[in-house]
Amino acid sequence: MRGIVRGVEDYGVFVELKPNLSGLAEYRPDINEGDHVSVFIKNITPEKMKIKLIIIDVFKDRGDVHISQKDYFITGGRIKYWRYSPESCERKRIETEFK
């Protein structure tokens, strides 16, 4: 899977996989915000809303990788409601109602 590095902290690297869907990988000093990376999903814990990732490769030159934007758009109708957290989530539900 491919993604874009959205944040680098001492404790890990946040990688956006899709809009509003990010995971955390272990810190690597050679990675900067904005880098494109390929990742392996190590673990998904829906009830805690956590995705653990392993970074496989880093693409410093953005021309090396193409991330399709076509999955990000709705082509028909209008979204009235969106739930970000899964039903099994023990935390507060995160949702948006569009009016």
N, C-alpha and C. Protein backbone atom coordinates (compact mmCIF):
# COMPACT_ATOMS: atom_id res chain seq x y z
N MET A 1 0.85 -1.17 0.00
CA MET A 1 0.00 0.00 0.00
C MET A 1 0.90 1.24 0.00
N ARG A 2 0.41 2.30 -0.61
CA ARG A 2 1.18 3.55 -0.67
C ARG A 2 0.52 4.64 0.17
N GLY A 3 1.33 5.59 0.60
CA GLY A 3 0.79 6.70 1.38
C GLY A 3 1.75 7.88 1.39
N ILE A 4 1.32 8.93 2.08
CA ILE A 4 2.11 10.17 2.17
C ILE A 4 2.38 10.44 3.64
N VAL A 5 3.64 10.75 3.96
CA VAL A 5 4.01 11.06 5.33
C VAL A 5 3.41 12.42 5.69
N ARG A 6 2.58 12.44 6.73
CA ARG A 6 1.93 13.67 7.17
C ARG A 6 2.52 14.23 8.45
N GLY A 7 3.32 13.44 9.14
CA GLY A 7 3.93 13.93 10.38
C GLY A 7 5.05 13.00 10.83
N VAL A 8 6.11 13.59 11.37
CA VAL A 8 7.24 12.81 11.89
C VAL A 8 7.47 13.26 13.34
N GLU A 9 7.36 12.33 14.26
CA GLU A 9 7.57 12.59 15.68
C GLU A 9 8.65 11.64 16.19
N ASP A 10 9.15 11.88 17.39
CA ASP A 10 10.16 11.00 17.99
C ASP A 10 9.64 9.58 18.16
N TYR A 11 8.35 9.43 18.39
CA TYR A 11 7.77 8.12 18.66
C TYR A 11 7.24 7.41 17.41
N GLY A 12 7.22 8.09 16.26
CA GLY A 12 6.75 7.43 15.05
C GLY A 12 6.45 8.36 13.91
N VAL A 13 6.09 7.75 12.79
CA VAL A 13 5.80 8.47 11.54
C VAL A 13 4.33 8.24 11.19
N PHE A 14 3.58 9.33 11.00
CA PHE A 14 2.18 9.24 10.61
C PHE A 14 2.09 9.22 9.09
N VAL A 15 1.44 8.18 8.57
CA VAL A 15 1.31 8.00 7.12
C VAL A 15 -0.17 8.03 6.76
N GLU A 16 -0.54 8.95 5.87
CA GLU A 16 -1.92 9.02 5.37
C GLU A 16 -2.08 8.01 4.25
N LEU A 17 -2.99 7.06 4.44
CA LEU A 17 -3.24 6.03 3.43
C LEU A 17 -4.35 6.45 2.47
N LYS A 18 -5.36 7.09 3.01
CA LYS A 18 -6.50 7.65 2.27
C LYS A 18 -6.93 8.88 3.07
N PRO A 19 -7.76 9.74 2.52
CA PRO A 19 -8.23 10.88 3.31
C PRO A 19 -8.89 10.40 4.61
N ASN A 20 -8.50 11.00 5.72
CA ASN A 20 -9.01 10.67 7.05
C ASN A 20 -8.69 9.25 7.50
N LEU A 21 -7.69 8.63 6.89
CA LEU A 21 -7.24 7.30 7.31
C LEU A 21 -5.72 7.30 7.35
N SER A 22 -5.19 7.31 8.57
CA SER A 22 -3.74 7.33 8.76
C SER A 22 -3.33 6.21 9.69
N GLY A 23 -2.07 5.84 9.58
CA GLY A 23 -1.50 4.84 10.47
C GLY A 23 -0.18 5.34 11.01
N LEU A 24 0.35 4.62 11.98
CA LEU A 24 1.60 5.00 12.62
C LEU A 24 2.65 3.94 12.38
N ALA A 25 3.81 4.37 11.90
CA ALA A 25 4.96 3.47 11.68
C ALA A 25 6.07 3.89 12.64
N GLU A 26 7.04 2.99 12.82
CA GLU A 26 8.17 3.31 13.69
C GLU A 26 8.97 4.47 13.10
N TYR A 27 9.59 5.25 13.99
CA TYR A 27 10.39 6.40 13.58
C TYR A 27 11.57 5.96 12.73
N ARG A 28 11.82 6.72 11.68
CA ARG A 28 13.01 6.54 10.84
C ARG A 28 13.59 7.91 10.55
N PRO A 29 14.89 8.09 10.79
CA PRO A 29 15.49 9.40 10.61
C PRO A 29 15.58 9.86 9.15
N ASP A 30 15.45 8.95 8.20
CA ASP A 30 15.59 9.30 6.78
C ASP A 30 14.27 9.73 6.14
N ILE A 31 13.21 9.85 6.93
CA ILE A 31 11.90 10.19 6.39
C ILE A 31 11.49 11.60 6.82
N ASN A 32 10.91 12.33 5.87
CA ASN A 32 10.46 13.70 6.12
C ASN A 32 8.99 13.84 5.75
N GLU A 33 8.35 14.82 6.33
CA GLU A 33 6.96 15.12 6.00
C GLU A 33 6.85 15.40 4.50
N GLY A 34 5.84 14.81 3.87
CA GLY A 34 5.63 14.99 2.43
C GLY A 34 6.21 13.87 1.58
N ASP A 35 7.08 13.04 2.16
CA ASP A 35 7.63 11.91 1.40
C ASP A 35 6.53 10.92 1.07
N HIS A 36 6.64 10.29 -0.08
CA HIS A 36 5.74 9.21 -0.45
C HIS A 36 6.41 7.91 -0.02
N VAL A 37 5.63 7.01 0.56
CA VAL A 37 6.18 5.75 1.07
C VAL A 37 5.29 4.59 0.67
N SER A 38 5.89 3.41 0.63
CA SER A 38 5.10 2.19 0.52
C SER A 38 5.16 1.53 1.89
N VAL A 39 4.03 0.99 2.32
CA VAL A 39 3.93 0.44 3.67
C VAL A 39 3.29 -0.94 3.66
N PHE A 40 3.55 -1.65 4.72
CA PHE A 40 2.92 -2.94 5.01
C PHE A 40 2.07 -2.73 6.25
N ILE A 41 0.83 -3.17 6.21
CA ILE A 41 -0.04 -3.02 7.39
C ILE A 41 0.29 -4.17 8.35
N LYS A 42 0.83 -3.79 9.49
CA LYS A 42 1.25 -4.77 10.50
C LYS A 42 0.07 -5.22 11.35
N ASN A 43 -0.79 -4.27 11.73
CA ASN A 43 -1.89 -4.60 12.62
C ASN A 43 -2.98 -3.53 12.52
N ILE A 44 -4.23 -3.98 12.59
CA ILE A 44 -5.36 -3.07 12.66
C ILE A 44 -6.16 -3.42 13.91
N THR A 45 -6.40 -2.42 14.75
CA THR A 45 -7.19 -2.61 15.97
C THR A 45 -8.39 -1.67 15.89
N PRO A 46 -9.51 -2.15 15.31
CA PRO A 46 -10.68 -1.27 15.10
C PRO A 46 -11.22 -0.66 16.38
N GLU A 47 -11.28 -1.44 17.46
CA GLU A 47 -11.87 -0.91 18.69
C GLU A 47 -11.07 0.23 19.30
N LYS A 48 -9.79 0.35 18.94
CA LYS A 48 -8.97 1.47 19.41
C LYS A 48 -8.68 2.46 18.29
N MET A 49 -9.21 2.19 17.09
CA MET A 49 -9.01 3.04 15.91
C MET A 49 -7.52 3.24 15.63
N LYS A 50 -6.75 2.13 15.63
CA LYS A 50 -5.31 2.22 15.40
C LYS A 50 -4.89 1.31 14.25
N ILE A 51 -3.97 1.85 13.44
CA ILE A 51 -3.36 1.08 12.36
C ILE A 51 -1.86 1.17 12.55
N LYS A 52 -1.20 0.02 12.69
CA LYS A 52 0.26 -0.01 12.82
C LYS A 52 0.84 -0.38 11.46
N LEU A 53 1.85 0.37 11.04
CA LEU A 53 2.45 0.19 9.72
C LEU A 53 3.93 -0.12 9.81
N ILE A 54 4.45 -0.72 8.76
CA ILE A 54 5.89 -0.89 8.58
C ILE A 54 6.22 -0.23 7.25
N ILE A 55 7.16 0.72 7.28
CA ILE A 55 7.56 1.40 6.04
C ILE A 55 8.54 0.50 5.29
N ILE A 56 8.20 0.22 4.03
CA ILE A 56 9.01 -0.65 3.20
C ILE A 56 9.99 0.14 2.35
N ASP A 57 9.51 1.23 1.75
CA ASP A 57 10.35 2.02 0.85
C ASP A 57 9.93 3.48 0.92
N VAL A 58 10.89 4.36 0.63
CA VAL A 58 10.66 5.80 0.64
C VAL A 58 10.96 6.34 -0.75
N PHE A 59 10.07 7.20 -1.26
CA PHE A 59 10.26 7.80 -2.57
C PHE A 59 10.47 9.29 -2.39
N LYS A 60 11.72 9.71 -2.37
CA LYS A 60 12.04 11.14 -2.17
C LYS A 60 11.61 11.97 -3.37
N ASP A 61 11.79 11.40 -4.56
CA ASP A 61 11.37 12.07 -5.79
C ASP A 61 9.93 11.69 -6.05
N ARG A 62 9.01 12.64 -5.92
CA ARG A 62 7.59 12.33 -6.06
C ARG A 62 7.22 11.79 -7.44
N GLY A 63 8.10 11.90 -8.38
CA GLY A 63 7.86 11.34 -9.70
C GLY A 63 8.04 9.83 -9.73
N ASP A 64 8.64 9.27 -8.66
CA ASP A 64 8.87 7.83 -8.59
C ASP A 64 7.60 7.02 -8.35
N VAL A 65 6.60 7.66 -7.80
CA VAL A 65 5.39 6.94 -7.43
C VAL A 65 4.17 7.77 -7.78
N HIS A 66 3.12 7.09 -8.19
CA HIS A 66 1.88 7.79 -8.50
C HIS A 66 0.80 7.26 -7.57
N ILE A 67 0.19 8.13 -6.79
CA ILE A 67 -0.92 7.76 -5.93
C ILE A 67 -2.19 8.26 -6.58
N SER A 68 -3.05 7.33 -6.93
CA SER A 68 -4.28 7.67 -7.64
C SER A 68 -5.21 8.48 -6.76
N GLN A 69 -5.76 9.54 -7.30
CA GLN A 69 -6.72 10.37 -6.58
C GLN A 69 -8.15 9.94 -6.89
N LYS A 70 -8.35 9.04 -7.83
CA LYS A 70 -9.71 8.71 -8.26
C LYS A 70 -10.55 8.08 -7.15
N ASP A 71 -9.92 7.40 -6.18
CA ASP A 71 -10.66 6.77 -5.10
C ASP A 71 -11.18 7.79 -4.09
N TYR A 72 -10.76 9.02 -4.18
CA TYR A 72 -11.09 10.03 -3.20
C TYR A 72 -12.37 10.79 -3.50
N PHE A 73 -12.98 10.57 -4.63
CA PHE A 73 -14.12 11.37 -5.04
C PHE A 73 -15.38 10.54 -5.14
N ILE A 74 -16.50 11.16 -4.83
CA ILE A 74 -17.81 10.55 -5.01
C ILE A 74 -18.35 11.09 -6.31
N THR A 75 -18.74 10.20 -7.19
CA THR A 75 -19.12 10.63 -8.54
C THR A 75 -20.61 10.83 -8.72
N GLY A 76 -21.40 10.40 -7.75
CA GLY A 76 -22.84 10.59 -7.90
C GLY A 76 -23.50 10.85 -6.57
N GLY A 77 -24.46 11.72 -6.58
CA GLY A 77 -25.21 12.01 -5.36
C GLY A 77 -24.45 12.89 -4.39
N ARG A 78 -24.89 12.84 -3.13
CA ARG A 78 -24.31 13.69 -2.10
C ARG A 78 -24.23 12.91 -0.81
N ILE A 79 -23.15 13.06 -0.08
CA ILE A 79 -23.02 12.39 1.21
C ILE A 79 -23.83 13.16 2.24
N LYS A 80 -24.68 12.47 2.95
CA LYS A 80 -25.47 13.10 4.01
C LYS A 80 -24.89 12.80 5.39
N TYR A 81 -24.15 11.69 5.49
CA TYR A 81 -23.66 11.24 6.79
C TYR A 81 -22.38 10.42 6.59
N TRP A 82 -21.41 10.59 7.48
CA TRP A 82 -20.17 9.81 7.40
C TRP A 82 -19.70 9.45 8.80
N ARG A 83 -19.50 8.18 9.05
CA ARG A 83 -18.97 7.73 10.33
C ARG A 83 -17.52 7.31 10.13
N TYR A 84 -16.61 7.94 10.88
CA TYR A 84 -15.19 7.65 10.79
C TYR A 84 -14.80 6.45 11.63
N SER A 85 -15.46 6.27 12.76
CA SER A 85 -15.10 5.18 13.66
C SER A 85 -15.97 3.96 13.38
N PRO A 86 -15.39 2.76 13.50
CA PRO A 86 -16.17 1.54 13.24
C PRO A 86 -17.17 1.28 14.38
N GLU A 87 -18.15 0.44 14.10
CA GLU A 87 -19.18 0.10 15.08
C GLU A 87 -18.56 -0.50 16.35
N SER A 88 -17.48 -1.25 16.21
CA SER A 88 -16.87 -1.94 17.35
C SER A 88 -15.99 -1.03 18.21
N CYS A 89 -15.86 0.23 17.84
CA CYS A 89 -14.98 1.15 18.55
C CYS A 89 -15.48 1.41 19.96
N GLU A 90 -14.56 1.24 20.94
CA GLU A 90 -14.90 1.49 22.34
C GLU A 90 -14.81 2.98 22.67
N ARG A 91 -14.07 3.73 21.89
CA ARG A 91 -13.94 5.16 22.10
C ARG A 91 -15.20 5.88 21.63
N LYS A 92 -15.20 7.17 21.85
CA LYS A 92 -16.31 8.00 21.37
C LYS A 92 -16.43 7.87 19.85
N ARG A 93 -17.65 7.77 19.37
CA ARG A 93 -17.87 7.70 17.93
C ARG A 93 -17.52 9.04 17.30
N ILE A 94 -16.87 8.96 16.16
CA ILE A 94 -16.53 10.16 15.41
C ILE A 94 -17.34 10.12 14.13
N GLU A 95 -18.19 11.11 13.96
CA GLU A 95 -19.07 11.13 12.80
C GLU A 95 -19.42 12.56 12.40
N THR A 96 -19.85 12.71 11.16
CA THR A 96 -20.23 14.02 10.63
C THR A 96 -21.54 13.88 9.90
N GLU A 97 -22.44 14.83 10.13
CA GLU A 97 -23.68 14.92 9.39
C GLU A 97 -23.62 16.15 8.50
N PHE A 98 -23.77 15.96 7.20
CA PHE A 98 -23.69 17.07 6.25
C PHE A 98 -25.09 17.56 5.96
N LYS A 99 -25.29 18.86 6.12
CA LYS A 99 -26.62 19.44 5.89
C LYS A 99 -26.62 20.31 4.65
